[in-house]
């Protein structure tokens, strides 16, 4: 599983790529922020589900 440092490096890389894109309208900037937020929440949800699965498999729950 990825460590906190790896996740923060990935987030910073995605954020820096977003900053390189030219912002034409505020709607496009909002779409980019929504995309990053959606990716972050999806990754968090996947990690949470994997953690629950691992605990159930090990008999800790």
C-alpha atoms as a PDB file:
ATOM      1  CA  UNK A   1       0.000   0.000   0.000  1.00  0.00           C
ATOM      2  CA  UNK A   2       1.221   3.507  -0.749  1.00  0.00           C
ATOM      3  CA  UNK A   3       2.681   5.501   2.095  1.00  0.00           C
ATOM      4  CA  UNK A   4       1.552   8.998   3.006  1.00  0.00           C
ATOM      5  CA  UNK A   5       4.665  10.449   1.378  1.00  0.00           C
ATOM      6  CA  UNK A   6       3.900   8.715  -1.926  1.00  0.00           C
ATOM      7  CA  UNK A   7       0.306   9.931  -1.894  1.00  0.00           C
ATOM      8  CA  UNK A   8       1.346  13.513  -1.132  1.00  0.00           C
ATOM      9  CA  UNK A   9       3.932  13.412  -3.958  1.00  0.00           C
ATOM     10  CA  UNK A  10       1.257  12.156  -6.372  1.00  0.00           C
ATOM     11  CA  UNK A  11      -1.147  14.882  -5.249  1.00  0.00           C
ATOM     12  CA  UNK A  12       1.529  17.571  -5.716  1.00  0.00           C
ATOM     13  CA  UNK A  13       2.346  16.237  -9.187  1.00  0.00           C
ATOM     14  CA  UNK A  14      -1.324  16.382 -10.203  1.00  0.00           C
ATOM     15  CA  UNK A  15      -1.668  19.858  -8.737  1.00  0.00           C
ATOM     16  CA  UNK A  16       1.414  21.115 -10.596  1.00  0.00           C
ATOM     17  CA  UNK A  17       0.063  19.692 -13.863  1.00  0.00           C
ATOM     18  CA  UNK A  18      -3.204  21.504 -13.243  1.00  0.00           C
ATOM     19  CA  UNK A  19      -1.326  24.774 -12.679  1.00  0.00           C
ATOM     20  CA  UNK A  20       0.449  24.403 -16.035  1.00  0.00           C
ATOM     21  CA  UNK A  21      -2.843  24.281 -17.935  1.00  0.00           C
ATOM     22  CA  UNK A  22      -4.038  27.661 -19.189  1.00  0.00           C
ATOM     23  CA  UNK A  23      -7.227  28.796 -17.491  1.00  0.00           C
ATOM     24  CA  UNK A  24      -9.602  30.239 -20.071  1.00  0.00           C
ATOM     25  CA  UNK A  25     -12.765  30.490 -17.983  1.00  0.00           C
ATOM     26  CA  UNK A  26     -13.650  30.069 -14.344  1.00  0.00           C
ATOM     27  CA  UNK A  27     -15.785  27.067 -15.291  1.00  0.00           C
ATOM     28  CA  UNK A  28     -12.719  25.175 -16.516  1.00  0.00           C
ATOM     29  CA  UNK A  29     -10.841  25.910 -13.298  1.00  0.00           C
ATOM     30  CA  UNK A  30     -13.835  24.668 -11.327  1.00  0.00           C
ATOM     31  CA  UNK A  31     -13.914  21.503 -13.411  1.00  0.00           C
ATOM     32  CA  UNK A  32     -10.236  20.893 -12.672  1.00  0.00           C
ATOM     33  CA  UNK A  33     -10.733  21.355  -8.948  1.00  0.00           C
ATOM     34  CA  UNK A  34     -13.760  19.049  -9.033  1.00  0.00           C
ATOM     35  CA  UNK A  35     -11.709  16.446 -10.891  1.00  0.00           C
ATOM     36  CA  UNK A  36      -8.889  16.558  -8.338  1.00  0.00           C
ATOM     37  CA  UNK A  37     -11.329  16.408  -5.443  1.00  0.00           C
ATOM     38  CA  UNK A  38     -13.151  13.481  -7.029  1.00  0.00           C
ATOM     39  CA  UNK A  39      -9.893  11.596  -7.600  1.00  0.00           C
ATOM     40  CA  UNK A  40      -8.803  12.223  -4.006  1.00  0.00           C
ATOM     41  CA  UNK A  41     -12.121  11.055  -2.567  1.00  0.00           C
ATOM     42  CA  UNK A  42     -12.164   7.994  -4.833  1.00  0.00           C
ATOM     43  CA  UNK A  43      -8.643   7.010  -3.792  1.00  0.00           C
ATOM     44  CA  UNK A  44      -9.553   7.484  -0.133  1.00  0.00           C
ATOM     45  CA  UNK A  45     -12.667   5.336  -0.565  1.00  0.00           C
ATOM     46  CA  UNK A  46     -10.737   2.561  -2.303  1.00  0.00           C
ATOM     47  CA  UNK A  47      -8.109   2.523   0.456  1.00  0.00           C
ATOM     48  CA  UNK A  48     -10.843   2.427   3.117  1.00  0.00           C
ATOM     49  CA  UNK A  49     -12.544  -0.518   1.412  1.00  0.00           C
ATOM     50  CA  UNK A  50      -9.226  -2.361   1.104  1.00  0.00           C
ATOM     51  CA  UNK A  51      -8.570  -1.774   4.803  1.00  0.00           C
ATOM     52  CA  UNK A  52     -11.966  -3.170   5.792  1.00  0.00           C
ATOM     53  CA  UNK A  53     -11.421  -6.181   3.529  1.00  0.00           C
ATOM     54  CA  UNK A  54      -7.982  -6.848   5.021  1.00  0.00           C
ATOM     55  CA  UNK A  55      -9.310  -6.638   8.584  1.00  0.00           C
ATOM     56  CA  UNK A  56     -12.167  -9.015   7.820  1.00  0.00           C
ATOM     57  CA  UNK A  57      -9.790 -11.437   6.136  1.00  0.00           C
ATOM     58  CA  UNK A  58      -7.439 -11.421   9.157  1.00  0.00           C
ATOM     59  CA  UNK A  59     -10.336 -11.911  11.574  1.00  0.00           C
ATOM     60  CA  UNK A  60      -9.853  -8.553  13.305  1.00  0.00           C
ATOM     61  CA  UNK A  61     -13.455  -7.487  12.736  1.00  0.00           C
END
